[in-house]
Amino acid sequence: KKDIPAVNFIIHEIHCRRNIEMCPYCSDSIPKSEMKNHIESEHVQVTCKCRMKMESSLLKEHEASSCPLRPVLCQFCDIQLAFNKLQEHELYCGARTEPCGRCGRHVLLRELPEHPRLCG
């Protein structure tokens, strides 16, 4: 599946047929001696802590971007919690108040970033 010079084609094809296999899962060209290791490391089914099953090669990306249990920080208090708990926590946490440094009024944390424009 790669371009090679025409003069080398027959020798290349013989070499490939003898030493290379196509992975049945991802269609990559893999040396025959490494196929078992490739399948075990890339295509074995694993279960994430969220109980979703996937190929092991996809687990890292899943844990980083789409797992509902991936750790995230609250924008108000910087504690780490699971993504699926973030919205509920931030509704509660953002409803807390802190005094404004300029006017002294107690302001909701979620309104604090835009408050200085309003308090003069």
PDB file of N, CA and C in Angstrom:
ATOM      1  N   LYS A   1       0.819  -1.213   0.000  1.00  0.00           N
ATOM      2  CA  LYS A   1       0.000   0.000   0.000  1.00  0.00           C
ATOM      3  C   LYS A   1       0.853   1.264   0.000  1.00  0.00           C
ATOM      4  N   LYS A   2       2.068   1.161  -0.496  1.00  0.00           N
ATOM      5  CA  LYS A   2       2.944   2.313  -0.600  1.00  0.00           C
ATOM      6  C   LYS A   2       3.537   2.351  -1.992  1.00  0.00           C
ATOM      7  N   ASP A   3       3.891   3.531  -2.445  1.00  0.00           N
ATOM      8  CA  ASP A   3       4.535   3.664  -3.749  1.00  0.00           C
ATOM      9  C   ASP A   3       5.974   3.192  -3.657  1.00  0.00           C
ATOM     10  N   ILE A   4       6.361   2.390  -4.619  1.00  0.00           N
ATOM     11  CA  ILE A   4       7.749   1.922  -4.690  1.00  0.00           C
ATOM     12  C   ILE A   4       8.181   2.007  -6.149  1.00  0.00           C
ATOM     13  N   PRO A   5       9.483   2.100  -6.408  1.00  0.00           N
ATOM     14  CA  PRO A   5       9.955   2.129  -7.798  1.00  0.00           C
ATOM     15  C   PRO A   5       9.571   0.834  -8.530  1.00  0.00           C
ATOM     16  N   ALA A   6       9.192   0.953  -9.773  1.00  0.00           N
ATOM     17  CA  ALA A   6       8.759  -0.209 -10.563  1.00  0.00           C
ATOM     18  C   ALA A   6       9.847  -1.263 -10.663  1.00  0.00           C
ATOM     19  N   VAL A   7      11.099  -0.833 -10.717  1.00  0.00           N
ATOM     20  CA  VAL A   7      12.190  -1.812 -10.850  1.00  0.00           C
ATOM     21  C   VAL A   7      12.322  -2.698  -9.608  1.00  0.00           C
ATOM     22  N   ASN A   8      11.869  -2.215  -8.465  1.00  0.00           N
ATOM     23  CA  ASN A   8      11.961  -2.985  -7.220  1.00  0.00           C
ATOM     24  C   ASN A   8      10.677  -3.751  -6.888  1.00  0.00           C
ATOM     25  N   PHE A   9       9.664  -3.661  -7.742  1.00  0.00           N
ATOM     26  CA  PHE A   9       8.344  -4.172  -7.381  1.00  0.00           C
ATOM     27  C   PHE A   9       8.345  -5.672  -7.071  1.00  0.00           C
ATOM     28  N   ILE A  10       8.914  -6.470  -7.913  1.00  0.00           N
ATOM     29  CA  ILE A  10       8.859  -7.931  -7.708  1.00  0.00           C
ATOM     30  C   ILE A  10       9.564  -8.322  -6.417  1.00  0.00           C
ATOM     31  N   ILE A  11      10.749  -7.791  -6.184  1.00  0.00           N
ATOM     32  CA  ILE A  11      11.481  -8.100  -4.948  1.00  0.00           C
ATOM     33  C   ILE A  11      10.715  -7.594  -3.738  1.00  0.00           C
ATOM     34  N   HIS A  12      10.161  -6.411  -3.847  1.00  0.00           N
ATOM     35  CA  HIS A  12       9.386  -5.829  -2.737  1.00  0.00           C
ATOM     36  C   HIS A  12       8.155  -6.682  -2.433  1.00  0.00           C
ATOM     37  N   GLU A  13       7.450  -7.091  -3.480  1.00  0.00           N
ATOM     38  CA  GLU A  13       6.245  -7.891  -3.286  1.00  0.00           C
ATOM     39  C   GLU A  13       6.569  -9.229  -2.626  1.00  0.00           C
ATOM     40  N   ILE A  14       7.656  -9.865  -3.045  1.00  0.00           N
ATOM     41  CA  ILE A  14       8.074 -11.136  -2.431  1.00  0.00           C
ATOM     42  C   ILE A  14       8.376 -10.922  -0.944  1.00  0.00           C
ATOM     43  N   HIS A  15       9.109  -9.862  -0.652  1.00  0.00           N
ATOM     44  CA  HIS A  15       9.437  -9.536   0.746  1.00  0.00           C
ATOM     45  C   HIS A  15       8.159  -9.311   1.559  1.00  0.00           C
ATOM     46  N   CYS A  16       7.239  -8.528   1.022  1.00  0.00           N
ATOM     47  CA  CYS A  16       5.999  -8.226   1.755  1.00  0.00           C
ATOM     48  C   CYS A  16       5.169  -9.483   2.007  1.00  0.00           C
ATOM     49  N   ARG A  17       5.001 -10.300   0.982  1.00  0.00           N
ATOM     50  CA  ARG A  17       4.199 -11.525   1.162  1.00  0.00           C
ATOM     51  C   ARG A  17       4.806 -12.444   2.222  1.00  0.00           C
ATOM     52  N   ARG A  18       6.112 -12.444   2.317  1.00  0.00           N
ATOM     53  CA  ARG A  18       6.795 -13.315   3.265  1.00  0.00           C
ATOM     54  C   ARG A  18       6.789 -12.743   4.680  1.00  0.00           C
ATOM     55  N   ASN A  19       6.874 -11.418   4.823  1.00  0.00           N
ATOM     56  CA  ASN A  19       7.120 -10.813   6.141  1.00  0.00           C
ATOM     57  C   ASN A  19       6.024  -9.906   6.698  1.00  0.00           C
ATOM     58  N   ILE A  20       5.090  -9.484   5.890  1.00  0.00           N
ATOM     59  CA  ILE A  20       4.108  -8.479   6.319  1.00  0.00           C
ATOM     60  C   ILE A  20       2.694  -9.045   6.243  1.00  0.00           C
ATOM     61  N   GLU A  21       1.873  -8.667   7.217  1.00  0.00           N
ATOM     62  CA  GLU A  21       0.458  -9.028   7.226  1.00  0.00           C
ATOM     63  C   GLU A  21      -0.367  -7.763   7.368  1.00  0.00           C
ATOM     64  N   MET A  22      -1.590  -7.821   6.905  1.00  0.00           N
ATOM     65  CA  MET A  22      -2.518  -6.718   7.116  1.00  0.00           C
ATOM     66  C   MET A  22      -3.306  -7.022   8.391  1.00  0.00           C
ATOM     67  N   CYS A  23      -3.362  -6.069   9.291  1.00  0.00           N
ATOM     68  CA  CYS A  23      -4.132  -6.258  10.522  1.00  0.00           C
ATOM     69  C   CYS A  23      -5.614  -6.362  10.155  1.00  0.00           C
ATOM     70  N   PRO A  24      -6.302  -7.384  10.629  1.00  0.00           N
ATOM     71  CA  PRO A  24      -7.720  -7.542  10.292  1.00  0.00           C
ATOM     72  C   PRO A  24      -8.616  -6.478  10.942  1.00  0.00           C
ATOM     73  N   TYR A  25      -8.111  -5.761  11.944  1.00  0.00           N
ATOM     74  CA  TYR A  25      -8.913  -4.762  12.636  1.00  0.00           C
ATOM     75  C   TYR A  25      -8.712  -3.354  12.087  1.00  0.00           C
ATOM     76  N   CYS A  26      -7.448  -2.982  11.843  1.00  0.00           N
ATOM     77  CA  CYS A  26      -7.164  -1.596  11.434  1.00  0.00           C
ATOM     78  C   CYS A  26      -6.552  -1.481  10.047  1.00  0.00           C
ATOM     79  N   SER A  27      -6.284  -2.618   9.384  1.00  0.00           N
ATOM     80  CA  SER A  27      -5.711  -2.653   8.035  1.00  0.00           C
ATOM     81  C   SER A  27      -4.321  -2.057   7.929  1.00  0.00           C
ATOM     82  N   ASP A  28      -3.618  -1.901   9.041  1.00  0.00           N
ATOM     83  CA  ASP A  28      -2.231  -1.461   8.995  1.00  0.00           C
ATOM     84  C   ASP A  28      -1.341  -2.618   8.544  1.00  0.00           C
ATOM     85  N   SER A  29      -0.227  -2.281   7.911  1.00  0.00           N
ATOM     86  CA  SER A  29       0.772  -3.286   7.542  1.00  0.00           C
ATOM     87  C   SER A  29       1.649  -3.544   8.758  1.00  0.00           C
ATOM     88  N   ILE A  30       1.661  -4.781   9.211  1.00  0.00           N
ATOM     89  CA  ILE A  30       2.389  -5.147  10.426  1.00  0.00           C
ATOM     90  C   ILE A  30       3.304  -6.325  10.111  1.00  0.00           C
ATOM     91  N   PRO A  31       4.557  -6.286  10.578  1.00  0.00           N
ATOM     92  CA  PRO A  31       5.411  -7.471  10.413  1.00  0.00           C
ATOM     93  C   PRO A  31       4.740  -8.687  11.058  1.00  0.00           C
ATOM     94  N   LYS A  32       4.806  -9.826  10.368  1.00  0.00           N
ATOM     95  CA  LYS A  32       4.153 -11.037  10.872  1.00  0.00           C
ATOM     96  C   LYS A  32       4.617 -11.385  12.279  1.00  0.00           C
ATOM     97  N   SER A  33       5.890 -11.135  12.573  1.00  0.00           N
ATOM     98  CA  SER A  33       6.429 -11.471  13.885  1.00  0.00           C
ATOM     99  C   SER A  33       5.847 -10.590  14.995  1.00  0.00           C
ATOM    100  N   GLU A  34       5.271  -9.454  14.643  1.00  0.00           N
ATOM    101  CA  GLU A  34       4.731  -8.528  15.635  1.00  0.00           C
ATOM    102  C   GLU A  34       3.211  -8.488  15.672  1.00  0.00           C
ATOM    103  N   MET A  35       2.555  -9.272  14.828  1.00  0.00           N
ATOM    104  CA  MET A  35       1.089  -9.197  14.725  1.00  0.00           C
ATOM    105  C   MET A  35       0.397  -9.535  16.040  1.00  0.00           C
ATOM    106  N   LYS A  36       0.820 -10.596  16.705  1.00  0.00           N
ATOM    107  CA  LYS A  36       0.179 -10.976  17.971  1.00  0.00           C
ATOM    108  C   LYS A  36       0.301  -9.846  18.991  1.00  0.00           C
ATOM    109  N   ASN A  37       1.493  -9.283  19.116  1.00  0.00           N
ATOM    110  CA  ASN A  37       1.722  -8.179  20.041  1.00  0.00           C
ATOM    111  C   ASN A  37       0.891  -6.953  19.655  1.00  0.00           C
ATOM    112  N   HIS A  38       0.809  -6.666  18.350  1.00  0.00           N
ATOM    113  CA  HIS A  38       0.012  -5.534  17.862  1.00  0.00           C
ATOM    114  C   HIS A  38      -1.458  -5.697  18.263  1.00  0.00           C
ATOM    115  N   ILE A  39      -2.007  -6.854  18.024  1.00  0.00           N
ATOM    116  CA  ILE A  39      -3.421  -7.090  18.352  1.00  0.00           C
ATOM    117  C   ILE A  39      -3.647  -7.000  19.856  1.00  0.00           C
ATOM    118  N   GLU A  40      -2.740  -7.560  20.653  1.00  0.00           N
ATOM    119  CA  GLU A  40      -2.897  -7.517  22.108  1.00  0.00           C
ATOM    120  C   GLU A  40      -2.743  -6.108  22.664  1.00  0.00           C
ATOM    121  N   SER A  41      -1.883  -5.309  22.074  1.00  0.00           N
ATOM    122  CA  SER A  41      -1.666  -3.969  22.620  1.00  0.00           C
ATOM    123  C   SER A  41      -2.627  -2.926  22.061  1.00  0.00           C
ATOM    124  N   GLU A  42      -3.111  -3.119  20.840  1.00  0.00           N
ATOM    125  CA  GLU A  42      -3.947  -2.100  20.200  1.00  0.00           C
ATOM    126  C   GLU A  42      -5.430  -2.451  20.124  1.00  0.00           C
ATOM    127  N   HIS A  43      -5.744  -3.722  20.012  1.00  0.00           N
ATOM    128  CA  HIS A  43      -7.126  -4.085  19.698  1.00  0.00           C
ATOM    129  C   HIS A  43      -7.838  -4.928  20.750  1.00  0.00           C
ATOM    130  N   VAL A  44      -7.158  -5.263  21.835  1.00  0.00           N
ATOM    131  CA  VAL A  44      -7.822  -6.028  22.879  1.00  0.00           C
ATOM    132  C   VAL A  44      -8.888  -5.137  23.531  1.00  0.00           C
ATOM    133  N   GLN A  45     -10.003  -5.728  23.897  1.00  0.00           N
ATOM    134  CA  GLN A  45     -11.087  -4.975  24.527  1.00  0.00           C
ATOM    135  C   GLN A  45     -10.756  -4.726  25.997  1.00  0.00           C
ATOM    136  N   VAL A  46     -10.903  -3.488  26.428  1.00  0.00           N
ATOM    137  CA  VAL A  46     -10.698  -3.117  27.824  1.00  0.00           C
ATOM    138  C   VAL A  46     -11.960  -2.411  28.314  1.00  0.00           C
ATOM    139  N   THR A  47     -12.093  -2.312  29.613  1.00  0.00           N
ATOM    140  CA  THR A  47     -13.242  -1.643  30.203  1.00  0.00           C
ATOM    141  C   THR A  47     -12.745  -0.433  30.985  1.00  0.00           C
ATOM    142  N   CYS A  48     -13.283   0.715  30.675  1.00  0.00           N
ATOM    143  CA  CYS A  48     -12.952   1.958  31.380  1.00  0.00           C
ATOM    144  C   CYS A  48     -13.609   1.932  32.760  1.00  0.00           C
ATOM    145  N   LYS A  49     -13.141   2.815  33.638  1.00  0.00           N
ATOM    146  CA  LYS A  49     -13.751   2.900  34.973  1.00  0.00           C
ATOM    147  C   LYS A  49     -15.226   3.290  34.905  1.00  0.00           C
ATOM    148  N   CYS A  50     -15.666   3.865  33.759  1.00  0.00           N
ATOM    149  CA  CYS A  50     -17.086   4.207  33.587  1.00  0.00           C
ATOM    150  C   CYS A  50     -17.881   3.022  33.043  1.00  0.00           C
ATOM    151  N   ARG A  51     -17.235   1.879  32.907  1.00  0.00           N
ATOM    152  CA  ARG A  51     -17.818   0.613  32.453  1.00  0.00           C
ATOM    153  C   ARG A  51     -18.058   0.543  30.943  1.00  0.00           C
ATOM    154  N   MET A  52     -17.536   1.495  30.193  1.00  0.00           N
ATOM    155  CA  MET A  52     -17.642   1.443  28.736  1.00  0.00           C
ATOM    156  C   MET A  52     -16.523   0.559  28.193  1.00  0.00           C
ATOM    157  N   LYS A  53     -16.853  -0.308  27.227  1.00  0.00           N
ATOM    158  CA  LYS A  53     -15.861  -1.196  26.630  1.00  0.00           C
ATOM    159  C   LYS A  53     -15.381  -0.603  25.315  1.00  0.00           C
ATOM    160  N   MET A  54     -14.053  -0.742  25.067  1.00  0.00           N
ATOM    161  CA  MET A  54     -13.456  -0.219  23.840  1.00  0.00           C
ATOM    162  C   MET A  54     -12.115  -0.890  23.615  1.00  0.00           C
ATOM    163  N   GLU A  55     -11.541  -0.650  22.423  1.00  0.00           N
ATOM    164  CA  GLU A  55     -10.195  -1.147  22.153  1.00  0.00           C
ATOM    165  C   GLU A  55      -9.203  -0.377  23.014  1.00  0.00           C
ATOM    166  N   SER A  56      -8.151  -1.061  23.430  1.00  0.00           N
ATOM    167  CA  SER A  56      -7.166  -0.431  24.325  1.00  0.00           C
ATOM    168  C   SER A  56      -6.522   0.798  23.698  1.00  0.00           C
ATOM    169  N   SER A  57      -6.399   0.834  22.376  1.00  0.00           N
ATOM    170  CA  SER A  57      -5.786   1.991  21.720  1.00  0.00           C
ATOM    171  C   SER A  57      -6.655   3.246  21.834  1.00  0.00           C
ATOM    172  N   LEU A  58      -7.934   3.095  22.126  1.00  0.00           N
ATOM    173  CA  LEU A  58      -8.851   4.236  22.233  1.00  0.00           C
ATOM    174  C   LEU A  58      -9.048   4.711  23.669  1.00  0.00           C
ATOM    175  N   LEU A  59      -8.555   3.936  24.633  1.00  0.00           N
ATOM    176  CA  LEU A  59      -8.826   4.237  26.033  1.00  0.00           C
ATOM    177  C   LEU A  59      -8.277   5.586  26.483  1.00  0.00           C
ATOM    178  N   LYS A  60      -7.037   5.897  26.127  1.00  0.00           N
ATOM    179  CA  LYS A  60      -6.412   7.140  26.588  1.00  0.00           C
ATOM    180  C   LYS A  60      -7.197   8.370  26.113  1.00  0.00           C
ATOM    181  N   GLU A  61      -7.590   8.373  24.847  1.00  0.00           N
ATOM    182  CA  GLU A  61      -8.373   9.493  24.299  1.00  0.00           C
ATOM    183  C   GLU A  61      -9.737   9.584  24.989  1.00  0.00           C
ATOM    184  N   HIS A  62     -10.372   8.441  25.209  1.00  0.00           N
ATOM    185  CA  HIS A  62     -11.663   8.406  25.903  1.00  0.00           C
ATOM    186  C   HIS A  62     -11.543   9.002  27.306  1.00  0.00           C
ATOM    187  N   GLU A  63     -10.521   8.560  28.054  1.00  0.00           N
ATOM    188  CA  GLU A  63     -10.344   9.055  29.427  1.00  0.00           C
ATOM    189  C   GLU A  63     -10.064  10.555  29.454  1.00  0.00           C
ATOM    190  N   ALA A  64      -9.419  11.074  28.428  1.00  0.00           N
ATOM    191  CA  ALA A  64      -9.062  12.485  28.402  1.00  0.00           C
ATOM    192  C   ALA A  64     -10.195  13.389  27.949  1.00  0.00           C
ATOM    193  N   SER A  65     -11.082  12.890  27.068  1.00  0.00           N
ATOM    194  CA  SER A  65     -12.043  13.824  26.488  1.00  0.00           C
ATOM    195  C   SER A  65     -13.515  13.459  26.584  1.00  0.00           C
ATOM    196  N   SER A  66     -13.848  12.191  26.736  1.00  0.00           N
ATOM    197  CA  SER A  66     -15.271  11.868  26.713  1.00  0.00           C
ATOM    198  C   SER A  66     -15.768  11.013  27.871  1.00  0.00           C
ATOM    199  N   CYS A  67     -14.898  10.560  28.730  1.00  0.00           N
ATOM    200  CA  CYS A  67     -15.329   9.735  29.859  1.00  0.00           C
ATOM    201  C   CYS A  67     -16.124  10.594  30.847  1.00  0.00           C
ATOM    202  N   PRO A  68     -17.305  10.153  31.242  1.00  0.00           N
ATOM    203  CA  PRO A  68     -18.081  10.940  32.209  1.00  0.00           C
ATOM    204  C   PRO A  68     -17.434  10.993  33.592  1.00  0.00           C
ATOM    205  N   LEU A  69     -16.454  10.128  33.849  1.00  0.00           N
ATOM    206  CA  LEU A  69     -15.772  10.123  35.146  1.00  0.00           C
ATOM    207  C   LEU A  69     -14.409  10.801  35.100  1.00  0.00           C
ATOM    208  N   ARG A  70     -14.074  11.451  33.960  1.00  0.00           N
ATOM    209  CA  ARG A  70     -12.765  12.122  33.872  1.00  0.00           C
ATOM    210  C   ARG A  70     -12.709  13.272  34.868  1.00  0.00           C
ATOM    211  N   PRO A  71     -11.546  13.509  35.455  1.00  0.00           N
ATOM    212  CA  PRO A  71     -11.427  14.577  36.455  1.00  0.00           C
ATOM    213  C   PRO A  71     -11.417  15.963  35.801  1.00  0.00           C
ATOM    214  N   VAL A  72     -12.172  16.879  36.395  1.00  0.00           N
ATOM    215  CA  VAL A  72     -12.216  18.277  35.945  1.00  0.00           C
ATOM    216  C   VAL A  72     -12.198  19.184  37.169  1.00  0.00           C
ATOM    217  N   LEU A  73     -11.862  20.456  36.961  1.00  0.00           N
ATOM    218  CA  LEU A  73     -11.810  21.419  38.055  1.00  0.00           C
ATOM    219  C   LEU A  73     -13.026  22.317  38.040  1.00  0.00           C
ATOM    220  N   CYS A  74     -13.554  22.608  39.210  1.00  0.00           N
ATOM    221  CA  CYS A  74     -14.639  23.581  39.351  1.00  0.00           C
ATOM    222  C   CYS A  74     -14.056  24.965  39.058  1.00  0.00           C
ATOM    223  N   GLN A  75     -14.754  25.755  38.261  1.00  0.00           N
ATOM    224  CA  GLN A  75     -14.264  27.089  37.915  1.00  0.00           C
ATOM    225  C   GLN A  75     -14.329  28.062  39.088  1.00  0.00           C
ATOM    226  N   PHE A  76     -15.063  27.726  40.124  1.00  0.00           N
ATOM    227  CA  PHE A  76     -15.208  28.637  41.256  1.00  0.00           C
ATOM    228  C   PHE A  76     -14.287  28.310  42.428  1.00  0.00           C
ATOM    229  N   CYS A  77     -14.109  27.017  42.722  1.00  0.00           N
ATOM    230  CA  CYS A  77     -13.320  26.671  43.913  1.00  0.00           C
ATOM    231  C   CYS A  77     -12.100  25.813  43.599  1.00  0.00           C
ATOM    232  N   ASP A  78     -11.905  25.453  42.330  1.00  0.00           N
ATOM    233  CA  ASP A  78     -10.748  24.676  41.887  1.00  0.00           C
ATOM    234  C   ASP A  78     -10.624  23.292  42.520  1.00  0.00           C
ATOM    235  N   ILE A  79     -11.703  22.725  43.057  1.00  0.00           N
ATOM    236  CA  ILE A  79     -11.593  21.337  43.513  1.00  0.00           C
ATOM    237  C   ILE A  79     -11.804  20.428  42.310  1.00  0.00           C
ATOM    238  N   GLN A  80     -11.191  19.257  42.359  1.00  0.00           N
ATOM    239  CA  GLN A  80     -11.297  18.303  41.276  1.00  0.00           C
ATOM    240  C   GLN A  80     -12.442  17.341  41.553  1.00  0.00           C
ATOM    241  N   LEU A  81     -13.278  17.121  40.536  1.00  0.00           N
ATOM    242  CA  LEU A  81     -14.379  16.188  40.665  1.00  0.00           C
ATOM    243  C   LEU A  81     -14.654  15.547  39.314  1.00  0.00           C
ATOM    244  N   ALA A  82     -15.501  14.539  39.287  1.00  0.00           N
ATOM    245  CA  ALA A  82     -15.835  13.849  38.040  1.00  0.00           C
ATOM    246  C   ALA A  82     -16.682  14.754  37.156  1.00  0.00           C
ATOM    247  N   PHE A  83     -16.451  14.673  35.839  1.00  0.00           N
ATOM    248  CA  PHE A  83     -17.159  15.518  34.884  1.00  0.00           C
ATOM    249  C   PHE A  83     -18.670  15.417  35.038  1.00  0.00           C
ATOM    250  N   ASN A  84     -19.186  14.224  35.287  1.00  0.00           N
ATOM    251  CA  ASN A  84     -20.632  14.064  35.389  1.00  0.00           C
ATOM    252  C   ASN A  84     -21.220  14.698  36.659  1.00  0.00           C
ATOM    253  N   LYS A  85     -20.377  15.140  37.580  1.00  0.00           N
ATOM    254  CA  LYS A  85     -20.845  15.826  38.792  1.00  0.00           C
ATOM    255  C   LYS A  85     -20.608  17.338  38.717  1.00  0.00           C
ATOM    256  N   LEU A  86     -19.914  17.800  37.682  1.00  0.00           N
ATOM    257  CA  LEU A  86     -19.493  19.202  37.591  1.00  0.00           C
ATOM    258  C   LEU A  86     -20.665  20.178  37.541  1.00  0.00           C
ATOM    259  N   GLN A  87     -21.634  19.947  36.683  1.00  0.00           N
ATOM    260  CA  GLN A  87     -22.726  20.901  36.512  1.00  0.00           C
ATOM    261  C   GLN A  87     -23.493  21.118  37.826  1.00  0.00           C
ATOM    262  N   GLU A  88     -23.832  20.038  38.486  1.00  0.00           N
ATOM    263  CA  GLU A  88     -24.554  20.149  39.758  1.00  0.00           C
ATOM    264  C   GLU A  88     -23.713  20.898  40.794  1.00  0.00           C
ATOM    265  N   HIS A  89     -22.418  20.566  40.865  1.00  0.00           N
ATOM    266  CA  HIS A  89     -21.536  21.225  41.823  1.00  0.00           C
ATOM    267  C   HIS A  89     -21.411  22.721  41.521  1.00  0.00           C
ATOM    268  N   GLU A  90     -21.212  23.086  40.243  1.00  0.00           N
ATOM    269  CA  GLU A  90     -21.025  24.492  39.900  1.00  0.00           C
ATOM    270  C   GLU A  90     -22.297  25.317  40.113  1.00  0.00           C
ATOM    271  N   LEU A  91     -23.461  24.718  39.960  1.00  0.00           N
ATOM    272  CA  LEU A  91     -24.705  25.446  40.278  1.00  0.00           C
ATOM    273  C   LEU A  91     -24.723  25.828  41.752  1.00  0.00           C
ATOM    274  N   TYR A  92     -24.339  24.879  42.598  1.00  0.00           N
ATOM    275  CA  TYR A  92     -24.287  25.133  44.031  1.00  0.00           C
ATOM    276  C   TYR A  92     -23.149  26.090  44.370  1.00  0.00           C
ATOM    277  N   CYS A  93     -21.963  25.781  43.858  1.00  0.00           N
ATOM    278  CA  CYS A  93     -20.759  26.531  44.216  1.00  0.00           C
ATOM    279  C   CYS A  93     -20.831  27.975  43.705  1.00  0.00           C
ATOM    280  N   GLY A  94     -21.357  28.185  42.507  1.00  0.00           N
ATOM    281  CA  GLY A  94     -21.462  29.524  41.934  1.00  0.00           C
ATOM    282  C   GLY A  94     -22.515  30.377  42.608  1.00  0.00           C
ATOM    283  N   ALA A  95     -23.384  29.753  43.396  1.00  0.00           N
ATOM    284  CA  ALA A  95     -24.430  30.492  44.103  1.00  0.00           C
ATOM    285  C   ALA A  95     -23.932  31.026  45.446  1.00  0.00           C
ATOM    286  N   ARG A  96     -22.706  30.645  45.838  1.00  0.00           N
ATOM    287  CA  ARG A  96     -22.132  31.215  47.055  1.00  0.00           C
ATOM    288  C   ARG A  96     -21.788  32.676  46.791  1.00  0.00           C
ATOM    289  N   THR A  97     -21.648  33.456  47.848  1.00  0.00           N
ATOM    290  CA  THR A  97     -21.324  34.877  47.674  1.00  0.00           C
ATOM    291  C   THR A  97     -19.982  35.211  48.310  1.00  0.00           C
ATOM    292  N   GLU A  98     -19.386  36.258  47.778  1.00  0.00           N
ATOM    293  CA  GLU A  98     -18.163  36.833  48.340  1.00  0.00           C
ATOM    294  C   GLU A  98     -18.282  38.339  48.229  1.00  0.00           C
ATOM    295  N   PRO A  99     -17.684  39.072  49.162  1.00  0.00           N
ATOM    296  CA  PRO A  99     -17.774  40.529  49.091  1.00  0.00           C
ATOM    297  C   PRO A  99     -16.933  41.078  47.940  1.00  0.00           C
ATOM    298  N   CYS A 100     -17.472  42.083  47.264  1.00  0.00           N
ATOM    299  CA  CYS A 100     -16.746  42.769  46.196  1.00  0.00           C
ATOM    300  C   CYS A 100     -15.677  43.649  46.847  1.00  0.00           C
ATOM    301  N   GLY A 101     -14.480  43.614  46.303  1.00  0.00           N
ATOM    302  CA  GLY A 101     -13.377  44.404  46.845  1.00  0.00           C
ATOM    303  C   GLY A 101     -13.553  45.893  46.650  1.00  0.00           C
ATOM    304  N   ARG A 102     -14.415  46.312  45.725  1.00  0.00           N
ATOM    305  CA  ARG A 102     -14.604  47.743  45.450  1.00  0.00           C
ATOM    306  C   ARG A 102     -15.800  48.323  46.204  1.00  0.00           C
ATOM    307  N   CYS A 103     -16.966  47.657  46.103  1.00  0.00           N
ATOM    308  CA  CYS A 103     -18.161  48.250  46.703  1.00  0.00           C
ATOM    309  C   CYS A 103     -18.567  47.587  48.010  1.00  0.00           C
ATOM    310  N   GLY A 104     -17.992  46.426  48.338  1.00  0.00           N
ATOM    311  CA  GLY A 104     -18.298  45.755  49.592  1.00  0.00           C
ATOM    312  C   GLY A 104     -19.557  44.905  49.574  1.00  0.00           C
ATOM    313  N   ARG A 105     -20.351  44.985  48.508  1.00  0.00           N
ATOM    314  CA  ARG A 105     -21.570  44.169  48.419  1.00  0.00           C
ATOM    315  C   ARG A 105     -21.220  42.697  48.253  1.00  0.00           C
ATOM    316  N   HIS A 106     -22.057  41.821  48.775  1.00  0.00           N
ATOM    317  CA  HIS A 106     -21.878  40.392  48.561  1.00  0.00           C
ATOM    318  C   HIS A 106     -22.432  40.045  47.175  1.00  0.00           C
ATOM    319  N   VAL A 107     -21.600  39.394  46.377  1.00  0.00           N
ATOM    320  CA  VAL A 107     -21.937  39.089  44.990  1.00  0.00           C
ATOM    321  C   VAL A 107     -21.818  37.580  44.778  1.00  0.00           C
ATOM    322  N   LEU A 108     -22.737  37.009  43.976  1.00  0.00           N
ATOM    323  CA  LEU A 108     -22.650  35.592  43.635  1.00  0.00           C
ATOM    324  C   LEU A 108     -21.332  35.329  42.911  1.00  0.00           C
ATOM    325  N   LEU A 109     -20.695  34.229  43.239  1.00  0.00           N
ATOM    326  CA  LEU A 109     -19.413  33.892  42.604  1.00  0.00           C
ATOM    327  C   LEU A 109     -19.534  33.832  41.082  1.00  0.00           C
ATOM    328  N   ARG A 110     -20.658  33.305  40.576  1.00  0.00           N
ATOM    329  CA  ARG A 110     -20.794  33.208  39.121  1.00  0.00           C
ATOM    330  C   ARG A 110     -20.961  34.572  38.465  1.00  0.00           C
ATOM    331  N   GLU A 111     -21.319  35.611  39.238  1.00  0.00           N
ATOM    332  CA  GLU A 111     -21.467  36.964  38.695  1.00  0.00           C
ATOM    333  C   GLU A 111     -20.260  37.846  38.981  1.00  0.00           C
ATOM    334  N   LEU A 112     -19.331  37.357  39.790  1.00  0.00           N
ATOM    335  CA  LEU A 112     -18.178  38.153  40.211  1.00  0.00           C
ATOM    336  C   LEU A 112     -17.301  38.643  39.054  1.00  0.00           C
ATOM    337  N   PRO A 113     -17.038  37.851  37.992  1.00  0.00           N
ATOM    338  CA  PRO A 113     -16.190  38.360  36.917  1.00  0.00           C
ATOM    339  C   PRO A 113     -16.754  39.587  36.212  1.00  0.00           C
ATOM    340  N   GLU A 114     -18.069  39.711  36.065  1.00  0.00           N
ATOM    341  CA  GLU A 114     -18.634  40.874  35.382  1.00  0.00           C
ATOM    342  C   GLU A 114     -19.121  41.962  36.342  1.00  0.00           C
ATOM    343  N   HIS A 115     -19.066  41.703  37.635  1.00  0.00           N
ATOM    344  CA  HIS A 115     -19.547  42.666  38.619  1.00  0.00           C
ATOM    345  C   HIS A 115     -18.779  44.013  38.611  1.00  0.00           C
ATOM    346  N   PRO A 116     -17.462  44.016  38.481  1.00  0.00           N
ATOM    347  CA  PRO A 116     -16.759  45.310  38.525  1.00  0.00           C
ATOM    348  C   PRO A 116     -17.267  46.332  37.499  1.00  0.00           C
ATOM    349  N   ARG A 117     -17.758  45.885  36.356  1.00  0.00           N
ATOM    350  CA  ARG A 117     -18.332  46.823  35.380  1.00  0.00           C
ATOM    351  C   ARG A 117     -19.597  47.476  35.906  1.00  0.00           C
ATOM    352  N   LEU A 118     -20.338  46.757  36.753  1.00  0.00           N
ATOM    353  CA  LEU A 118     -21.637  47.238  37.225  1.00  0.00           C
ATOM    354  C   LEU A 118     -21.548  48.042  38.521  1.00  0.00           C
ATOM    355  N   CYS A 119     -20.545  47.773  39.351  1.00  0.00           N
ATOM    356  CA  CYS A 119     -20.535  48.412  40.667  1.00  0.00           C
ATOM    357  C   CYS A 119     -19.897  49.799  40.633  1.00  0.00           C
ATOM    358  N   GLY A 120     -19.184  50.102  39.574  1.00  0.00           N
ATOM    359  CA  GLY A 120     -18.597  51.454  39.445  1.00  0.00           C
ATOM    360  C   GLY A 120     -17.513  51.632  40.434  1.00  0.00           C
TER     361      GLY A 120
END
